[in-house]
């Protein structure tokens, strides 16, 4: 049986983002207290629609 945390649907919100030499580094947090870090490559962006969502 899954735990409550396993069935929780996270609602990630951007806490901060930083331009680094490898691209854009984004720190996301959920109201439950979990954190997630994502990144997008500097150039070229293989999936621009995804990069737009992350940067929003």
PDB file of N, CA and C in Angstrom:
ATOM      1  N   UNK A   1       0.843  -1.181   0.000  1.00  0.00           N
ATOM      2  CA  UNK A   1       0.000   0.000   0.000  1.00  0.00           C
ATOM      3  C   UNK A   1       0.893   1.250   0.000  1.00  0.00           C
ATOM      4  N   UNK A   2       0.627   2.181  -0.934  1.00  0.00           N
ATOM      5  CA  UNK A   2       1.463   3.387  -1.000  1.00  0.00           C
ATOM      6  C   UNK A   2       1.252   4.293   0.207  1.00  0.00           C
ATOM      7  N   UNK A   3       2.316   4.975   0.574  1.00  0.00           N
ATOM      8  CA  UNK A   3       2.217   5.930   1.678  1.00  0.00           C
ATOM      9  C   UNK A   3       1.573   7.215   1.178  1.00  0.00           C
ATOM     10  N   UNK A   4       1.203   8.077   2.099  1.00  0.00           N
ATOM     11  CA  UNK A   4       0.575   9.347   1.725  1.00  0.00           C
ATOM     12  C   UNK A   4       1.509  10.183   0.854  1.00  0.00           C
ATOM     13  N   UNK A   5       2.799  10.161   1.177  1.00  0.00           N
ATOM     14  CA  UNK A   5       3.773  10.933   0.404  1.00  0.00           C
ATOM     15  C   UNK A   5       3.886  10.419  -1.022  1.00  0.00           C
ATOM     16  N   UNK A   6       3.736   9.119  -1.224  1.00  0.00           N
ATOM     17  CA  UNK A   6       3.852   8.550  -2.561  1.00  0.00           C
ATOM     18  C   UNK A   6       2.677   8.934  -3.453  1.00  0.00           C
ATOM     19  N   UNK A   7       1.507   9.179  -2.897  1.00  0.00           N
ATOM     20  CA  UNK A   7       0.338   9.521  -3.708  1.00  0.00           C
ATOM     21  C   UNK A   7       0.108  11.031  -3.778  1.00  0.00           C
ATOM     22  N   UNK A   8       0.899  11.803  -3.069  1.00  0.00           N
ATOM     23  CA  UNK A   8       0.782  13.265  -3.081  1.00  0.00           C
ATOM     24  C   UNK A   8       1.162  13.812  -4.447  1.00  0.00           C
ATOM     25  N   UNK A   9       0.327  14.634  -5.028  1.00  0.00           N
ATOM     26  CA  UNK A   9       0.650  15.279  -6.300  1.00  0.00           C
ATOM     27  C   UNK A   9       1.316  16.614  -5.986  1.00  0.00           C
ATOM     28  N   UNK A  10       2.583  16.703  -6.305  1.00  0.00           N
ATOM     29  CA  UNK A  10       3.344  17.916  -6.002  1.00  0.00           C
ATOM     30  C   UNK A  10       2.908  19.061  -6.898  1.00  0.00           C
ATOM     31  N   UNK A  11       2.893  20.233  -6.321  1.00  0.00           N
ATOM     32  CA  UNK A  11       2.622  21.468  -7.063  1.00  0.00           C
ATOM     33  C   UNK A  11       3.863  22.323  -6.934  1.00  0.00           C
ATOM     34  N   UNK A  12       4.764  22.149  -7.892  1.00  0.00           N
ATOM     35  CA  UNK A  12       6.059  22.812  -7.827  1.00  0.00           C
ATOM     36  C   UNK A  12       5.928  24.287  -8.140  1.00  0.00           C
ATOM     37  N   UNK A  13       6.568  25.099  -7.316  1.00  0.00           N
ATOM     38  CA  UNK A  13       6.653  26.541  -7.531  1.00  0.00           C
ATOM     39  C   UNK A  13       8.121  26.932  -7.564  1.00  0.00           C
ATOM     40  N   UNK A  14       8.452  27.837  -8.467  1.00  0.00           N
ATOM     41  CA  UNK A  14       9.838  28.289  -8.584  1.00  0.00           C
ATOM     42  C   UNK A  14      10.190  29.122  -7.358  1.00  0.00           C
ATOM     43  N   UNK A  15      11.232  28.695  -6.672  1.00  0.00           N
ATOM     44  CA  UNK A  15      11.736  29.448  -5.531  1.00  0.00           C
ATOM     45  C   UNK A  15      12.798  30.436  -5.994  1.00  0.00           C
ATOM     46  N   UNK A  16      13.684  29.964  -6.869  1.00  0.00           N
ATOM     47  CA  UNK A  16      14.695  30.840  -7.457  1.00  0.00           C
ATOM     48  C   UNK A  16      15.258  30.176  -8.703  1.00  0.00           C
ATOM     49  N   UNK A  17      15.870  30.981  -9.544  1.00  0.00           N
ATOM     50  CA  UNK A  17      16.530  30.455 -10.741  1.00  0.00           C
ATOM     51  C   UNK A  17      17.811  31.247 -10.963  1.00  0.00           C
ATOM     52  N   UNK A  18      18.798  30.570 -11.527  1.00  0.00           N
ATOM     53  CA  UNK A  18      20.118  31.182 -11.700  1.00  0.00           C
ATOM     54  C   UNK A  18      20.701  30.791 -13.045  1.00  0.00           C
ATOM     55  N   UNK A  19      21.169  31.774 -13.767  1.00  0.00           N
ATOM     56  CA  UNK A  19      21.858  31.525 -15.018  1.00  0.00           C
ATOM     57  C   UNK A  19      23.271  31.062 -14.681  1.00  0.00           C
ATOM     58  N   UNK A  20      23.654  29.890 -15.158  1.00  0.00           N
ATOM     59  CA  UNK A  20      24.994  29.361 -14.949  1.00  0.00           C
ATOM     60  C   UNK A  20      25.601  29.037 -16.304  1.00  0.00           C
ATOM     61  N   UNK A  21      26.874  28.714 -16.336  1.00  0.00           N
ATOM     62  CA  UNK A  21      27.534  28.467 -17.621  1.00  0.00           C
ATOM     63  C   UNK A  21      26.917  27.299 -18.385  1.00  0.00           C
ATOM     64  N   UNK A  22      26.313  26.350 -17.678  1.00  0.00           N
ATOM     65  CA  UNK A  22      25.704  25.192 -18.341  1.00  0.00           C
ATOM     66  C   UNK A  22      24.268  25.444 -18.759  1.00  0.00           C
ATOM     67  N   UNK A  23      23.664  26.569 -18.370  1.00  0.00           N
ATOM     68  CA  UNK A  23      22.273  26.861 -18.719  1.00  0.00           C
ATOM     69  C   UNK A  23      21.542  27.538 -17.580  1.00  0.00           C
ATOM     70  N   UNK A  24      20.297  27.153 -17.369  1.00  0.00           N
ATOM     71  CA  UNK A  24      19.473  27.742 -16.324  1.00  0.00           C
ATOM     72  C   UNK A  24      19.232  26.698 -15.237  1.00  0.00           C
ATOM     73  N   UNK A  25      19.534  27.039 -14.005  1.00  0.00           N
ATOM     74  CA  UNK A  25      19.344  26.174 -12.845  1.00  0.00           C
ATOM     75  C   UNK A  25      18.140  26.710 -12.079  1.00  0.00           C
ATOM     76  N   UNK A  26      17.153  25.843 -11.818  1.00  0.00           N
ATOM     77  CA  UNK A  26      15.910  26.272 -11.185  1.00  0.00           C
ATOM     78  C   UNK A  26      15.659  25.452  -9.925  1.00  0.00           C
ATOM     79  N   UNK A  27      15.408  26.150  -8.822  1.00  0.00           N
ATOM     80  CA  UNK A  27      15.057  25.504  -7.560  1.00  0.00           C
ATOM     81  C   UNK A  27      13.545  25.598  -7.388  1.00  0.00           C
ATOM     82  N   UNK A  28      12.901  24.438  -7.225  1.00  0.00           N
ATOM     83  CA  UNK A  28      11.451  24.385  -7.081  1.00  0.00           C
ATOM     84  C   UNK A  28      11.100  23.817  -5.719  1.00  0.00           C
ATOM     85  N   UNK A  29       9.990  24.293  -5.150  1.00  0.00           N
ATOM     86  CA  UNK A  29       9.551  23.748  -3.870  1.00  0.00           C
ATOM     87  C   UNK A  29       8.065  23.441  -3.940  1.00  0.00           C
ATOM     88  N   UNK A  30       7.646  22.499  -3.116  1.00  0.00           N
ATOM     89  CA  UNK A  30       6.246  22.110  -3.006  1.00  0.00           C
ATOM     90  C   UNK A  30       5.770  22.509  -1.611  1.00  0.00           C
ATOM     91  N   UNK A  31       4.486  22.728  -1.456  1.00  0.00           N
ATOM     92  CA  UNK A  31       3.926  23.106  -0.161  1.00  0.00           C
ATOM     93  C   UNK A  31       4.160  22.031   0.898  1.00  0.00           C
ATOM     94  N   UNK A  32       4.380  20.786   0.478  1.00  0.00           N
ATOM     95  CA  UNK A  32       4.603  19.689   1.425  1.00  0.00           C
ATOM     96  C   UNK A  32       6.002  19.743   2.035  1.00  0.00           C
ATOM     97  N   UNK A  33       6.881  20.612   1.489  1.00  0.00           N
ATOM     98  CA  UNK A  33       8.227  20.738   2.032  1.00  0.00           C
ATOM     99  C   UNK A  33       9.319  20.105   1.184  1.00  0.00           C
ATOM    100  N   UNK A  34       8.948  19.383   0.137  1.00  0.00           N
ATOM    101  CA  UNK A  34       9.968  18.772  -0.730  1.00  0.00           C
ATOM    102  C   UNK A  34      10.545  19.811  -1.680  1.00  0.00           C
ATOM    103  N   UNK A  35      11.793  19.597  -2.076  1.00  0.00           N
ATOM    104  CA  UNK A  35      12.503  20.463  -3.010  1.00  0.00           C
ATOM    105  C   UNK A  35      12.908  19.671  -4.234  1.00  0.00           C
ATOM    106  N   UNK A  36      13.076  20.368  -5.336  1.00  0.00           N
ATOM    107  CA  UNK A  36      13.501  19.756  -6.589  1.00  0.00           C
ATOM    108  C   UNK A  36      14.365  20.769  -7.321  1.00  0.00           C
ATOM    109  N   UNK A  37      15.395  20.289  -7.980  1.00  0.00           N
ATOM    110  CA  UNK A  37      16.276  21.155  -8.769  1.00  0.00           C
ATOM    111  C   UNK A  37      16.228  20.663 -10.211  1.00  0.00           C
ATOM    112  N   UNK A  38      15.983  21.581 -11.133  1.00  0.00           N
ATOM    113  CA  UNK A  38      15.988  21.234 -12.551  1.00  0.00           C
ATOM    114  C   UNK A  38      16.959  22.154 -13.277  1.00  0.00           C
ATOM    115  N   UNK A  39      17.315  21.756 -14.471  1.00  0.00           N
ATOM    116  CA  UNK A  39      18.186  22.601 -15.277  1.00  0.00           C
ATOM    117  C   UNK A  39      17.832  22.446 -16.742  1.00  0.00           C
ATOM    118  N   UNK A  40      18.123  23.461 -17.505  1.00  0.00           N
ATOM    119  CA  UNK A  40      17.963  23.423 -18.949  1.00  0.00           C
ATOM    120  C   UNK A  40      19.300  23.814 -19.560  1.00  0.00           C
ATOM    121  N   UNK A  41      19.641  23.219 -20.683  1.00  0.00           N
ATOM    122  CA  UNK A  41      20.923  23.550 -21.307  1.00  0.00           C
ATOM    123  C   UNK A  41      20.924  24.972 -21.847  1.00  0.00           C
ATOM    124  N   UNK A  42      22.103  25.548 -21.895  1.00  0.00           N
ATOM    125  CA  UNK A  42      22.232  26.928 -22.387  1.00  0.00           C
ATOM    126  C   UNK A  42      21.821  27.024 -23.855  1.00  0.00           C
ATOM    127  N   UNK A  43      22.474  26.280 -24.720  1.00  0.00           N
ATOM    128  CA  UNK A  43      22.211  26.308 -26.163  1.00  0.00           C
ATOM    129  C   UNK A  43      22.630  24.991 -26.765  1.00  0.00           C
ATOM    130  N   UNK A  44      21.961  24.468 -27.712  1.00  0.00           N
ATOM    131  CA  UNK A  44      20.597  24.810 -28.112  1.00  0.00           C
ATOM    132  C   UNK A  44      19.593  24.144 -27.178  1.00  0.00           C
ATOM    133  N   UNK A  45      18.421  24.683 -27.099  1.00  0.00           N
ATOM    134  CA  UNK A  45      17.359  24.079 -26.296  1.00  0.00           C
ATOM    135  C   UNK A  45      16.628  23.086 -27.182  1.00  0.00           C
ATOM    136  N   UNK A  46      16.710  21.815 -26.800  1.00  0.00           N
ATOM    137  CA  UNK A  46      16.110  20.761 -27.612  1.00  0.00           C
ATOM    138  C   UNK A  46      14.591  20.820 -27.594  1.00  0.00           C
ATOM    139  N   UNK A  47      14.007  21.213 -26.464  1.00  0.00           N
ATOM    140  CA  UNK A  47      12.556  21.277 -26.319  1.00  0.00           C
ATOM    141  C   UNK A  47      12.167  22.652 -25.773  1.00  0.00           C
ATOM    142  N   UNK A  48      12.029  23.665 -26.630  1.00  0.00           N
ATOM    143  CA  UNK A  48      11.772  25.018 -26.131  1.00  0.00           C
ATOM    144  C   UNK A  48      10.487  25.153 -25.329  1.00  0.00           C
ATOM    145  N   UNK A  49       9.473  24.320 -25.623  1.00  0.00           N
ATOM    146  CA  UNK A  49       8.226  24.417 -24.860  1.00  0.00           C
ATOM    147  C   UNK A  49       8.444  24.015 -23.406  1.00  0.00           C
ATOM    148  N   UNK A  50       9.345  23.085 -23.142  1.00  0.00           N
ATOM    149  CA  UNK A  50       9.651  22.675 -21.776  1.00  0.00           C
ATOM    150  C   UNK A  50      10.456  23.769 -21.083  1.00  0.00           C
ATOM    151  N   UNK A  51      11.412  24.345 -21.771  1.00  0.00           N
ATOM    152  CA  UNK A  51      12.217  25.421 -21.190  1.00  0.00           C
ATOM    153  C   UNK A  51      11.342  26.608 -20.828  1.00  0.00           C
ATOM    154  N   UNK A  52      10.327  26.890 -21.626  1.00  0.00           N
ATOM    155  CA  UNK A  52       9.409  27.978 -21.321  1.00  0.00           C
ATOM    156  C   UNK A  52       8.625  27.721 -20.062  1.00  0.00           C
ATOM    157  N   UNK A  53       8.207  26.476 -19.833  1.00  0.00           N
ATOM    158  CA  UNK A  53       7.458  26.127 -18.635  1.00  0.00           C
ATOM    159  C   UNK A  53       8.321  26.247 -17.407  1.00  0.00           C
ATOM    160  N   UNK A  54       9.555  25.813 -17.493  1.00  0.00           N
ATOM    161  CA  UNK A  54      10.437  25.840 -16.334  1.00  0.00           C
ATOM    162  C   UNK A  54      10.778  27.263 -15.946  1.00  0.00           C
ATOM    163  N   UNK A  55      11.009  28.119 -16.920  1.00  0.00           N
ATOM    164  CA  UNK A  55      11.382  29.485 -16.638  1.00  0.00           C
ATOM    165  C   UNK A  55      10.212  30.359 -16.193  1.00  0.00           C
ATOM    166  N   UNK A  56       8.992  29.888 -16.373  1.00  0.00           N
ATOM    167  CA  UNK A  56       7.805  30.703 -16.031  1.00  0.00           C
ATOM    168  C   UNK A  56       7.609  30.812 -14.549  1.00  0.00           C
TER     169      UNK A  56
END
